[in-house]
Amino acid sequence: MGLASHYYVTMQIFAYLGFYLLTGLAAGLATHNSRRARSGYTWTTLPGTPGQKFGAKAITIAAAEIVFAAWQFVWYIVEFYPVTALEVHLARKLYGAALPPANLYEQVVANNLFSRLLPRRPLQLVILLGILALSALLLAALDTVRGWRKLPVFAVGGLCAWQCFYLVTVEQHPAWMFTSASRNVAMALAAVLAVLTVWWAVRSIRRGETC
């Protein structure tokens, strides 16, 4: 079986994506100054243009997302050896013998989550960096605007996530990426809406319409 199969059966990739986004959002919340604590200093309370303040928040979110992804690799290594030893022990107890277990690298590559996080090809690296930047910008925008304005930002984030998932899925076959006209329109629309969302968030900072 192996640790990779356990991750697949328990759908760890979806749990990872959820906590990945929550980590970024929590980092964003930590960068703005609450009305109830105006004495607190954060990057956004320092002098700077609205664009610089928004960029500071996005950088903080991106850093938190990178740390979270790295922590997942560390935790996987910690889990690997005891899980592998336990599986070998149980197999020998039940069947009298056990096949040689896969090594750590083979288990990482076989993992449906880490096989997408490890940039083994240039295009995969570009897509992963793009997803990191896009998620940081949209989470910063979601944290910046307030009230009903969060709803369209959330909707744009959902559309962009859908397109990013598609790109990650077909990354090994670049010729498939732009074969569908409807998919091309959806990706172009997501890109335009993402740019407008960031502009809207910066405008909200300039007008004082932030959380």
Protein backbone atom coordinates (compact mmCIF):
# COMPACT_ATOMS: atom_id res chain seq x y z
CA MET A 1 0.00 0.00 0.00
CA GLY A 2 2.39 2.70 1.17
CA LEU A 3 1.80 6.12 2.68
CA ALA A 4 0.89 7.56 -0.73
CA SER A 5 -2.08 5.20 -1.01
CA HIS A 6 -3.32 6.27 2.43
CA TYR A 7 -3.20 9.90 1.33
CA TYR A 8 -5.19 8.98 -1.77
CA VAL A 9 -7.85 6.98 0.07
CA THR A 10 -8.39 9.68 2.70
CA MET A 11 -8.52 12.45 0.03
CA GLN A 12 -5.70 14.40 1.67
CA ILE A 13 -5.27 16.61 -1.39
CA PHE A 14 -8.59 18.33 -0.74
CA ALA A 15 -7.81 18.76 2.96
CA TYR A 16 -4.46 20.25 1.98
CA LEU A 17 -6.04 22.74 -0.43
CA GLY A 18 -8.55 23.86 2.20
CA PHE A 19 -5.95 24.41 4.92
CA TYR A 20 -3.58 25.98 2.38
CA LEU A 21 -6.13 28.68 1.65
CA LEU A 22 -7.05 29.08 5.33
CA THR A 23 -3.37 29.56 6.19
CA GLY A 24 -3.06 32.30 3.60
CA LEU A 25 -6.24 33.99 4.78
CA ALA A 26 -5.09 33.86 8.40
CA ALA A 27 -1.82 35.48 7.39
CA GLY A 28 -3.77 38.21 5.64
CA LEU A 29 -5.86 38.86 8.73
CA ALA A 30 -2.69 39.36 10.73
CA THR A 31 -1.47 42.19 8.49
CA HIS A 32 -4.22 44.73 8.91
CA ASN A 33 -4.86 47.00 11.84
CA SER A 34 -8.19 46.48 13.60
CA ARG A 35 -10.17 49.53 14.69
CA ARG A 36 -10.16 48.07 18.19
CA ALA A 37 -6.36 47.90 18.27
CA ARG A 38 -5.06 50.97 16.48
CA SER A 39 -1.89 50.94 18.57
CA GLY A 40 -0.74 47.75 16.84
CA TYR A 41 1.83 48.17 14.08
CA THR A 42 1.81 45.94 11.02
CA TRP A 43 3.10 46.32 7.47
CA THR A 44 -0.11 48.00 6.44
CA THR A 45 0.17 50.66 9.15
CA LEU A 46 3.56 51.76 7.88
CA PRO A 47 3.83 54.70 5.45
CA GLY A 48 3.34 53.70 1.86
CA THR A 49 1.04 53.84 -1.12
CA PRO A 50 -2.11 51.66 -1.26
CA GLY A 51 -0.37 49.44 -3.80
CA GLN A 52 2.60 48.94 -1.49
CA LYS A 53 0.35 48.08 1.44
CA PHE A 54 -1.59 45.59 -0.65
CA GLY A 55 1.66 44.11 -1.93
CA ALA A 56 2.93 43.72 1.63
CA LYS A 57 -0.18 41.77 2.53
CA ALA A 58 0.11 39.56 -0.55
CA ILE A 59 3.78 38.83 0.18
CA THR A 60 2.93 37.86 3.75
CA ILE A 61 0.22 35.51 2.51
CA ALA A 62 2.54 33.96 -0.10
CA ALA A 63 5.22 33.40 2.54
CA ALA A 64 2.71 31.67 4.83
CA GLU A 65 1.56 29.45 1.96
CA ILE A 66 5.15 28.44 1.16
CA VAL A 67 5.80 27.60 4.81
CA PHE A 68 2.61 25.53 4.94
CA ALA A 69 3.57 23.59 1.80
CA ALA A 70 7.08 22.96 3.16
CA TRP A 71 5.60 21.79 6.46
CA GLN A 72 3.53 19.23 4.57
CA PHE A 73 6.73 17.72 3.12
CA VAL A 74 8.38 17.63 6.54
CA TRP A 75 5.36 15.98 8.11
CA TYR A 76 5.23 13.43 5.27
CA ILE A 77 8.85 12.46 5.96
CA VAL A 78 8.09 12.13 9.67
CA GLU A 79 5.11 9.88 8.91
CA PHE A 80 6.80 7.81 6.23
CA TYR A 81 9.16 5.63 8.25
CA PRO A 82 6.81 4.54 11.08
CA VAL A 83 3.94 3.91 8.62
CA THR A 84 6.20 1.87 6.35
CA ALA A 85 7.56 -0.16 9.27
CA LEU A 86 4.03 -0.82 10.56
CA GLU A 87 2.80 -1.95 7.15
CA VAL A 88 5.73 -4.35 6.73
CA HIS A 89 5.13 -5.76 10.21
CA LEU A 90 1.41 -6.29 9.58
CA ALA A 91 2.06 -7.87 6.16
CA ARG A 92 4.51 -10.34 7.66
CA LYS A 93 2.11 -11.10 10.48
CA LEU A 94 -0.83 -11.73 8.11
CA TYR A 95 0.89 -13.32 5.12
CA GLY A 96 4.22 -14.49 6.48
CA ALA A 97 6.15 -12.26 4.07
CA ALA A 98 6.17 -8.70 2.75
CA LEU A 99 7.33 -7.08 -0.46
CA PRO A 100 10.18 -4.56 -0.18
CA PRO A 101 8.57 -1.17 0.51
CA ALA A 102 9.03 1.73 -1.87
CA ASN A 103 11.58 4.31 -0.81
CA LEU A 104 10.69 7.83 0.28
CA TYR A 105 11.17 9.45 -3.14
CA GLU A 106 9.02 6.82 -4.86
CA GLN A 107 6.28 7.37 -2.30
CA VAL A 108 6.46 11.14 -2.74
CA VAL A 109 6.19 10.86 -6.53
CA ALA A 110 3.31 8.37 -6.19
CA ASN A 111 1.45 10.73 -3.86
CA ASN A 112 -1.36 12.47 -5.74
CA LEU A 113 -0.70 15.66 -3.78
CA PHE A 114 3.10 15.90 -3.80
CA SER A 115 3.40 14.78 -7.42
CA ARG A 116 1.70 18.10 -8.22
CA LEU A 117 3.73 20.16 -5.74
CA LEU A 118 7.16 18.96 -6.83
CA PRO A 119 8.24 21.02 -9.87
CA ARG A 120 9.88 18.34 -12.00
CA ARG A 121 9.32 20.18 -15.30
CA PRO A 122 9.79 23.87 -16.25
CA LEU A 123 6.14 24.34 -17.19
CA GLN A 124 5.02 22.78 -13.91
CA LEU A 125 7.26 25.22 -12.00
CA VAL A 126 5.78 28.18 -13.90
CA ILE A 127 2.23 27.01 -13.17
CA LEU A 128 2.96 26.46 -9.46
CA LEU A 129 4.53 29.92 -9.11
CA GLY A 130 1.57 31.43 -10.94
CA ILE A 131 -0.87 29.67 -8.61
CA LEU A 132 1.11 30.89 -5.58
CA ALA A 133 1.04 34.49 -6.80
CA LEU A 134 -2.61 34.34 -7.84
CA SER A 135 -3.80 32.79 -4.58
CA ALA A 136 -1.82 35.33 -2.54
CA LEU A 137 -3.26 38.27 -4.50
CA LEU A 138 -6.86 37.04 -4.35
CA LEU A 139 -6.67 36.16 -0.65
CA ALA A 140 -5.19 39.59 0.01
CA ALA A 141 -8.08 41.12 -1.93
CA LEU A 142 -10.62 39.01 -0.01
CA ASP A 143 -9.11 40.15 3.26
CA THR A 144 -8.94 43.80 2.17
CA VAL A 145 -12.48 44.49 1.01
CA ARG A 146 -15.41 44.40 3.39
CA GLY A 147 -19.11 43.64 3.43
CA TRP A 148 -20.84 42.56 0.25
CA ARG A 149 -17.66 43.25 -1.74
CA LYS A 150 -16.24 39.96 -0.49
CA LEU A 151 -18.83 37.99 -2.50
CA PRO A 152 -17.57 38.91 -6.01
CA VAL A 153 -13.97 38.40 -4.85
CA PHE A 154 -14.91 34.94 -3.57
CA ALA A 155 -16.63 34.16 -6.88
CA VAL A 156 -13.57 35.25 -8.90
CA GLY A 157 -11.40 33.12 -6.64
CA GLY A 158 -13.58 30.10 -7.32
CA LEU A 159 -13.36 30.63 -11.08
CA CYS A 160 -9.58 31.04 -10.93
CA ALA A 161 -9.24 27.93 -8.75
CA TRP A 162 -11.21 25.93 -11.32
CA GLN A 163 -8.90 27.07 -14.12
CA CYS A 164 -5.77 26.43 -12.05
CA PHE A 165 -6.92 22.92 -11.24
CA TYR A 166 -7.38 22.31 -14.96
CA LEU A 167 -3.88 23.58 -15.77
CA VAL A 168 -2.30 21.40 -13.09
CA THR A 169 -4.23 18.39 -14.37
CA VAL A 170 -3.19 18.73 -18.04
CA GLU A 171 0.29 20.15 -17.38
CA GLN A 172 1.96 16.95 -18.60
CA HIS A 173 0.22 17.39 -21.97
CA PRO A 174 0.75 21.05 -22.99
CA ALA A 175 -0.95 20.49 -26.36
CA TRP A 176 -4.24 19.86 -24.55
CA MET A 177 -4.28 23.16 -22.65
CA PHE A 178 -5.80 25.42 -25.29
CA THR A 179 -7.75 23.01 -27.49
CA SER A 180 -11.18 24.03 -26.19
CA ALA A 181 -12.60 27.41 -27.18
CA SER A 182 -14.87 27.56 -24.14
CA ARG A 183 -11.94 26.72 -21.85
CA ASN A 184 -9.84 29.45 -23.46
CA VAL A 185 -12.62 31.98 -22.89
CA ALA A 186 -12.97 30.87 -19.26
CA MET A 187 -9.22 31.23 -18.63
CA ALA A 188 -9.13 34.65 -20.28
CA LEU A 189 -12.15 35.74 -18.25
CA ALA A 190 -10.54 34.49 -15.03
CA ALA A 191 -7.34 36.42 -15.79
CA VAL A 192 -9.20 39.65 -16.53
CA LEU A 193 -11.39 39.34 -13.44
CA ALA A 194 -8.35 38.61 -11.25
CA VAL A 195 -6.66 41.82 -12.44
CA LEU A 196 -9.84 43.82 -11.84
CA THR A 197 -10.20 42.28 -8.37
CA VAL A 198 -6.69 43.35 -7.38
CA TRP A 199 -7.35 46.84 -8.74
CA TRP A 200 -10.60 46.98 -6.77
CA ALA A 201 -8.83 45.96 -3.56
CA VAL A 202 -6.13 48.61 -4.00
CA ARG A 203 -8.86 51.15 -4.72
CA SER A 204 -10.60 50.12 -1.50
CA ILE A 205 -7.41 50.82 0.47
CA ARG A 206 -7.10 54.23 -1.18
CA ARG A 207 -10.71 55.09 -0.31
CA GLY A 208 -10.55 53.67 3.21
CA GLU A 209 -13.11 50.92 2.47
CA THR A 210 -11.12 48.16 4.10
CA CYS A 211 -11.63 45.84 7.05
